[in-house]
PDB file of N, CA and C in Angstrom:
ATOM      1  N   MET A   1     -44.845 -31.865  57.820  1.00  0.00           N
ATOM      2  CA  MET A   1     -44.753 -31.267  56.628  1.00  0.00           C
ATOM      3  C   MET A   1     -43.578 -30.284  56.154  1.00  0.00           C
ATOM      4  N   THR A   2     -42.965 -30.125  55.082  1.00  0.00           N
ATOM      5  CA  THR A   2     -41.746 -29.771  54.618  1.00  0.00           C
ATOM      6  C   THR A   2     -42.269 -28.113  54.589  1.00  0.00           C
ATOM      7  N   ARG A   3     -41.005 -27.245  55.420  1.00  0.00           N
ATOM      8  CA  ARG A   3     -41.217 -26.156  55.365  1.00  0.00           C
ATOM      9  C   ARG A   3     -41.197 -25.551  53.808  1.00  0.00           C
ATOM     10  N   ARG A   4     -41.616 -24.665  53.545  1.00  0.00           N
ATOM     11  CA  ARG A   4     -41.550 -23.868  52.240  1.00  0.00           C
ATOM     12  C   ARG A   4     -40.511 -22.808  51.869  1.00  0.00           C
ATOM     13  N   TYR A   5     -40.382 -22.505  53.109  1.00  0.00           N
ATOM     14  CA  TYR A   5     -39.521 -21.243  52.833  1.00  0.00           C
ATOM     15  C   TYR A   5     -38.289 -20.752  54.284  1.00  0.00           C
ATOM     16  N   ASP A   6     -37.214 -20.758  53.675  1.00  0.00           N
ATOM     17  CA  ASP A   6     -35.819 -20.977  54.384  1.00  0.00           C
ATOM     18  C   ASP A   6     -35.016 -19.668  54.154  1.00  0.00           C
ATOM     19  N   ILE A   7     -34.071 -19.271  55.156  1.00  0.00           N
ATOM     20  CA  ILE A   7     -33.168 -17.742  54.903  1.00  0.00           C
ATOM     21  C   ILE A   7     -32.076 -18.494  54.422  1.00  0.00           C
ATOM     22  N   GLU A   8     -31.176 -17.497  53.873  1.00  0.00           N
ATOM     23  CA  GLU A   8     -30.159 -17.702  52.994  1.00  0.00           C
ATOM     24  C   GLU A   8     -28.981 -16.627  53.446  1.00  0.00           C
ATOM     25  N   LYS A   9     -28.130 -16.721  53.783  1.00  0.00           N
ATOM     26  CA  LYS A   9     -27.046 -15.548  53.851  1.00  0.00           C
ATOM     27  C   LYS A   9     -26.344 -15.409  52.349  1.00  0.00           C
ATOM     28  N   THR A  10     -26.230 -14.290  52.292  1.00  0.00           N
ATOM     29  CA  THR A  10     -25.526 -13.271  51.287  1.00  0.00           C
ATOM     30  C   THR A  10     -24.081 -13.271  51.282  1.00  0.00           C
ATOM     31  N   PRO A  11     -23.282 -13.226  50.559  1.00  0.00           N
ATOM     32  CA  PRO A  11     -21.723 -12.792  50.350  1.00  0.00           C
ATOM     33  C   PRO A  11     -21.727 -11.904  51.208  1.00  0.00           C
ATOM     34  N   GLU A  12     -22.520 -10.836  51.268  1.00  0.00           N
ATOM     35  CA  GLU A  12     -22.415  -9.354  51.737  1.00  0.00           C
ATOM     36  C   GLU A  12     -22.578  -9.544  53.042  1.00  0.00           C
ATOM     37  N   GLY A  13     -23.221 -10.468  53.699  1.00  0.00           N
ATOM     38  CA  GLY A  13     -23.836 -10.845  55.193  1.00  0.00           C
ATOM     39  C   GLY A  13     -25.030 -10.380  55.275  1.00  0.00           C
ATOM     40  N   SER A  14     -25.950  -9.923  54.250  1.00  0.00           N
ATOM     41  CA  SER A  14     -27.594  -9.949  54.438  1.00  0.00           C
ATOM     42  C   SER A  14     -28.099 -11.172  54.474  1.00  0.00           C
ATOM     43  N   TRP A  15     -29.313 -11.417  54.679  1.00  0.00           N
ATOM     44  CA  TRP A  15     -29.954 -12.196  54.276  1.00  0.00           C
ATOM     45  C   TRP A  15     -31.101 -12.453  53.474  1.00  0.00           C
ATOM     46  N   ASP A  16     -31.279 -13.641  52.952  1.00  0.00           N
ATOM     47  CA  ASP A  16     -32.546 -13.201  51.767  1.00  0.00           C
ATOM     48  C   ASP A  16     -33.551 -14.753  52.155  1.00  0.00           C
ATOM     49  N   ILE A  17     -34.874 -14.557  52.032  1.00  0.00           N
ATOM     50  CA  ILE A  17     -35.743 -15.524  52.050  1.00  0.00           C
ATOM     51  C   ILE A  17     -35.757 -16.224  50.746  1.00  0.00           C
ATOM     52  N   ILE A  18     -35.767 -17.645  51.147  1.00  0.00           N
ATOM     53  CA  ILE A  18     -35.862 -18.228  49.963  1.00  0.00           C
ATOM     54  C   ILE A  18     -36.746 -19.299  49.535  1.00  0.00           C
ATOM     55  N   ASP A  19     -37.471 -19.778  48.500  1.00  0.00           N
ATOM     56  CA  ASP A  19     -38.681 -20.422  48.582  1.00  0.00           C
ATOM     57  C   ASP A  19     -37.836 -21.997  48.067  1.00  0.00           C
ATOM     58  N   VAL A  20     -37.864 -22.792  49.036  1.00  0.00           N
ATOM     59  CA  VAL A  20     -36.870 -24.129  49.048  1.00  0.00           C
ATOM     60  C   VAL A  20     -37.438 -24.691  47.761  1.00  0.00           C
ATOM     61  N   PHE A  21     -38.708 -24.689  47.620  1.00  0.00           N
ATOM     62  CA  PHE A  21     -39.323 -25.728  46.242  1.00  0.00           C
ATOM     63  C   PHE A  21     -38.913 -24.754  44.925  1.00  0.00           C
ATOM     64  N   THR A  22     -38.499 -24.029  44.643  1.00  0.00           N
ATOM     65  CA  THR A  22     -37.985 -23.181  43.305  1.00  0.00           C
ATOM     66  C   THR A  22     -36.402 -22.681  43.558  1.00  0.00           C
ATOM     67  N   GLY A  23     -36.272 -22.510  44.392  1.00  0.00           N
ATOM     68  CA  GLY A  23     -34.670 -22.160  44.738  1.00  0.00           C
ATOM     69  C   GLY A  23     -34.607 -20.769  44.478  1.00  0.00           C
ATOM     70  N   GLN A  24     -35.744 -19.822  44.514  1.00  0.00           N
ATOM     71  CA  GLN A  24     -35.507 -18.441  44.396  1.00  0.00           C
ATOM     72  C   GLN A  24     -36.086 -17.715  45.415  1.00  0.00           C
ATOM     73  N   PRO A  25     -35.288 -16.132  45.286  1.00  0.00           N
ATOM     74  CA  PRO A  25     -35.651 -15.549  46.481  1.00  0.00           C
ATOM     75  C   PRO A  25     -37.318 -15.023  46.133  1.00  0.00           C
ATOM     76  N   VAL A  26     -37.899 -15.058  47.529  1.00  0.00           N
ATOM     77  CA  VAL A  26     -39.603 -14.642  47.873  1.00  0.00           C
ATOM     78  C   VAL A  26     -39.448 -13.492  47.415  1.00  0.00           C
ATOM     79  N   VAL A  27     -40.741 -13.187  46.316  1.00  0.00           N
ATOM     80  CA  VAL A  27     -41.402 -11.527  45.969  1.00  0.00           C
ATOM     81  C   VAL A  27     -42.958 -11.491  47.017  1.00  0.00           C
ATOM     82  N   GLU A  28     -42.704 -10.630  47.636  1.00  0.00           N
ATOM     83  CA  GLU A  28     -44.341 -10.536  48.209  1.00  0.00           C
ATOM     84  C   GLU A  28     -44.647  -9.531  48.061  1.00  0.00           C
ATOM     85  N   VAL A  29     -46.140  -8.877  47.072  1.00  0.00           N
ATOM     86  CA  VAL A  29     -46.605  -8.144  46.771  1.00  0.00           C
ATOM     87  C   VAL A  29     -45.245  -7.090  46.002  1.00  0.00           C
ATOM     88  N   GLY A  30     -45.152  -7.469  45.050  1.00  0.00           N
ATOM     89  CA  GLY A  30     -43.883  -7.242  44.426  1.00  0.00           C
ATOM     90  C   GLY A  30     -42.621  -6.828  44.983  1.00  0.00           C
ATOM     91  N   VAL A  31     -42.331  -7.171  46.634  1.00  0.00           N
ATOM     92  CA  VAL A  31     -41.264  -6.674  46.810  1.00  0.00           C
ATOM     93  C   VAL A  31     -40.350  -8.157  47.035  1.00  0.00           C
ATOM     94  N   PRO A  32     -39.080  -8.306  46.818  1.00  0.00           N
ATOM     95  CA  PRO A  32     -38.231  -9.164  46.692  1.00  0.00           C
ATOM     96  C   PRO A  32     -37.568  -9.108  48.163  1.00  0.00           C
ATOM     97  N   LEU A  33     -38.093 -10.443  48.954  1.00  0.00           N
ATOM     98  CA  LEU A  33     -37.441 -10.003  50.341  1.00  0.00           C
ATOM     99  C   LEU A  33     -35.945 -10.839  50.514  1.00  0.00           C
ATOM    100  N   ILE A  34     -35.384  -9.704  50.226  1.00  0.00           N
ATOM    101  CA  ILE A  34     -33.810  -9.766  49.974  1.00  0.00           C
ATOM    102  C   ILE A  34     -33.021  -8.804  50.993  1.00  0.00           C
ATOM    103  N   ASP A  35     -31.528  -8.908  51.198  1.00  0.00           N
ATOM    104  CA  ASP A  35     -30.784  -7.894  51.934  1.00  0.00           C
ATOM    105  C   ASP A  35     -31.446  -7.334  53.328  1.00  0.00           C
ATOM    106  N   MET A  36     -31.741  -8.436  54.147  1.00  0.00           N
ATOM    107  CA  MET A  36     -32.285  -8.404  55.279  1.00  0.00           C
ATOM    108  C   MET A  36     -31.485  -8.424  56.597  1.00  0.00           C
ATOM    109  N   SER A  37     -31.807  -8.006  57.412  1.00  0.00           N
ATOM    110  CA  SER A  37     -30.868  -8.541  59.058  1.00  0.00           C
ATOM    111  C   SER A  37     -31.267  -9.827  59.320  1.00  0.00           C
ATOM    112  N   ILE A  38     -30.832 -10.688  60.106  1.00  0.00           N
ATOM    113  CA  ILE A  38     -31.186 -11.877  60.436  1.00  0.00           C
ATOM    114  C   ILE A  38     -32.340 -12.266  61.487  1.00  0.00           C
ATOM    115  N   ASP A  39     -32.903 -10.738  62.094  1.00  0.00           N
ATOM    116  CA  ASP A  39     -33.973 -10.794  63.085  1.00  0.00           C
ATOM    117  C   ASP A  39     -34.978 -10.495  61.942  1.00  0.00           C
ATOM    118  N   GLU A  40     -34.953  -9.551  60.676  1.00  0.00           N
ATOM    119  CA  GLU A  40     -36.178  -9.445  59.857  1.00  0.00           C
ATOM    120  C   GLU A  40     -36.107 -10.693  59.369  1.00  0.00           C
ATOM    121  N   ALA A  41     -35.521 -11.589  58.613  1.00  0.00           N
ATOM    122  CA  ALA A  41     -35.268 -12.452  58.064  1.00  0.00           C
ATOM    123  C   ALA A  41     -36.192 -13.805  58.513  1.00  0.00           C
ATOM    124  N   ASP A  42     -35.287 -13.823  60.119  1.00  0.00           N
ATOM    125  CA  ASP A  42     -36.163 -14.712  60.726  1.00  0.00           C
ATOM    126  C   ASP A  42     -37.630 -14.383  61.024  1.00  0.00           C
ATOM    127  N   ASP A  43     -38.050 -13.272  61.771  1.00  0.00           N
ATOM    128  CA  ASP A  43     -39.263 -13.508  61.691  1.00  0.00           C
ATOM    129  C   ASP A  43     -40.172 -13.475  60.405  1.00  0.00           C
ATOM    130  N   LEU A  44     -39.565 -13.186  59.400  1.00  0.00           N
ATOM    131  CA  LEU A  44     -40.788 -13.206  58.091  1.00  0.00           C
ATOM    132  C   LEU A  44     -40.711 -14.458  57.827  1.00  0.00           C
ATOM    133  N   VAL A  45     -39.370 -15.354  57.685  1.00  0.00           N
ATOM    134  CA  VAL A  45     -39.683 -16.489  57.480  1.00  0.00           C
ATOM    135  C   VAL A  45     -40.329 -17.474  58.012  1.00  0.00           C
ATOM    136  N   ASN A  46     -40.730 -17.307  59.399  1.00  0.00           N
ATOM    137  CA  ASN A  46     -41.417 -18.193  60.420  1.00  0.00           C
ATOM    138  C   ASN A  46     -42.749 -17.622  60.329  1.00  0.00           C
ATOM    139  N   LEU A  47     -43.222 -16.147  59.868  1.00  0.00           N
ATOM    140  CA  LEU A  47     -44.759 -15.669  59.479  1.00  0.00           C
ATOM    141  C   LEU A  47     -45.240 -16.266  58.157  1.00  0.00           C
ATOM    142  N   LEU A  48     -44.141 -16.693  57.382  1.00  0.00           N
ATOM    143  CA  LEU A  48     -44.478 -17.052  55.644  1.00  0.00           C
ATOM    144  C   LEU A  48     -44.469 -18.732  55.890  1.00  0.00           C
ATOM    145  N   ASN A  49     -43.897 -19.394  56.587  1.00  0.00           N
ATOM    146  CA  ASN A  49     -44.080 -20.513  56.898  1.00  0.00           C
ATOM    147  C   ASN A  49     -45.561 -21.319  57.601  1.00  0.00           C
ATOM    148  N   TYR A  50     -45.548 -20.085  58.502  1.00  0.00           N
ATOM    149  CA  TYR A  50     -46.987 -20.509  59.324  1.00  0.00           C
ATOM    150  C   TYR A  50     -47.958 -20.224  58.369  1.00  0.00           C
ATOM    151  N   ARG A  51     -48.277 -19.327  57.449  1.00  0.00           N
ATOM    152  CA  ARG A  51     -49.371 -19.263  56.613  1.00  0.00           C
ATOM    153  C   ARG A  51     -49.393 -19.966  55.294  1.00  0.00           C
ATOM    154  N   ASP A  52     -48.074 -20.557  54.985  1.00  0.00           N
ATOM    155  CA  ASP A  52     -48.148 -21.791  53.953  1.00  0.00           C
ATOM    156  C   ASP A  52     -48.592 -23.035  54.861  1.00  0.00           C
ATOM    157  N   ARG A  53     -48.271 -23.299  56.070  1.00  0.00           N
ATOM    158  CA  ARG A  53     -48.815 -24.467  56.367  1.00  0.00           C
ATOM    159  C   ARG A  53     -50.558 -24.440  56.508  1.00  0.00           C
ATOM    160  N   GLU A  54     -51.106 -23.232  56.930  1.00  0.00           N
ATOM    161  CA  GLU A  54     -52.594 -22.888  57.178  1.00  0.00           C
ATOM    162  C   GLU A  54     -52.830 -23.391  55.384  1.00  0.00           C
ATOM    163  N   GLN A  55     -52.293 -22.708  54.617  1.00  0.00           N
ATOM    164  CA  GLN A  55     -53.131 -22.774  53.351  1.00  0.00           C
ATOM    165  C   GLN A  55     -52.869 -24.205  52.814  1.00  0.00           C
ATOM    166  N   ARG A  56     -51.877 -24.999  53.137  1.00  0.00           N
ATOM    167  CA  ARG A  56     -51.852 -26.302  52.559  1.00  0.00           C
ATOM    168  C   ARG A  56     -52.890 -27.354  53.206  1.00  0.00           C
ATOM    169  N   SER A  57     -52.878 -27.098  54.484  1.00  0.00           N
ATOM    170  CA  SER A  57     -53.547 -27.922  55.624  1.00  0.00           C
ATOM    171  C   SER A  57     -55.283 -27.594  54.939  1.00  0.00           C
ATOM    172  N   ASP A  58     -55.461 -26.669  54.639  1.00  0.00           N
ATOM    173  CA  ASP A  58     -56.765 -25.992  54.054  1.00  0.00           C
ATOM    174  C   ASP A  58     -57.202 -26.802  52.930  1.00  0.00           C
ATOM    175  N   VAL A  59     -56.458 -27.014  52.335  1.00  0.00           N
ATOM    176  CA  VAL A  59     -56.149 -27.666  50.588  1.00  0.00           C
ATOM    177  C   VAL A  59     -56.728 -29.056  51.032  1.00  0.00           C
ATOM    178  N   ARG A  60     -56.040 -29.969  52.038  1.00  0.00           N
ATOM    179  CA  ARG A  60     -55.623 -31.020  52.308  1.00  0.00           C
ATOM    180  C   ARG A  60     -56.749 -31.527  53.289  1.00  0.00           C
ATOM    181  N   GLY A  61     -57.724 -30.291  54.029  1.00  0.00           N
ATOM    182  CA  GLY A  61     -58.587 -30.713  55.153  1.00  0.00           C
ATOM    183  C   GLY A  61     -57.899 -31.190  56.271  1.00  0.00           C
ATOM    184  N   LEU A  62     -56.926 -30.884  56.195  1.00  0.00           N
ATOM    185  CA  LEU A  62     -56.140 -31.324  57.724  1.00  0.00           C
ATOM    186  C   LEU A  62     -56.275 -30.412  58.627  1.00  0.00           C
ATOM    187  N   PRO A  63     -56.018 -30.443  59.827  1.00  0.00           N
ATOM    188  CA  PRO A  63     -56.280 -29.370  61.298  1.00  0.00           C
ATOM    189  C   PRO A  63     -55.370 -28.809  61.008  1.00  0.00           C
ATOM    190  N   ARG A  64     -55.395 -27.420  61.198  1.00  0.00           N
ATOM    191  CA  ARG A  64     -54.581 -26.400  61.334  1.00  0.00           C
ATOM    192  C   ARG A  64     -53.487 -26.340  62.243  1.00  0.00           C
ATOM    193  N   PRO A  65     -52.247 -25.829  61.858  1.00  0.00           N
ATOM    194  CA  PRO A  65     -50.894 -25.980  63.073  1.00  0.00           C
ATOM    195  C   PRO A  65     -51.253 -25.297  63.913  1.00  0.00           C
ATOM    196  N   PRO A  66     -51.056 -25.556  64.967  1.00  0.00           N
ATOM    197  CA  PRO A  66     -51.117 -24.473  66.601  1.00  0.00           C
ATOM    198  C   PRO A  66     -50.370 -23.255  66.378  1.00  0.00           C
ATOM    199  N   LEU A  67     -50.627 -22.211  67.109  1.00  0.00           N
ATOM    200  CA  LEU A  67     -49.912 -20.946  67.141  1.00  0.00           C
ATOM    201  C   LEU A  67     -48.386 -21.292  67.712  1.00  0.00           C
TER     202      LEU A  67
END
């Protein structure tokens, strides 16, 4: 299954989380996930991709991914 989210380094050296399907920065609860440290971005992108895999598995009737 394709990972929906990835991180992208900005020219300023910070990191943004990008929706690879749209090419746009991710916005969660009205907050754009931009200008983060690499550690923050890496942790959040892993959580977002896990949540997305769970949601897509539920829709397709597939088993949930392992933790």
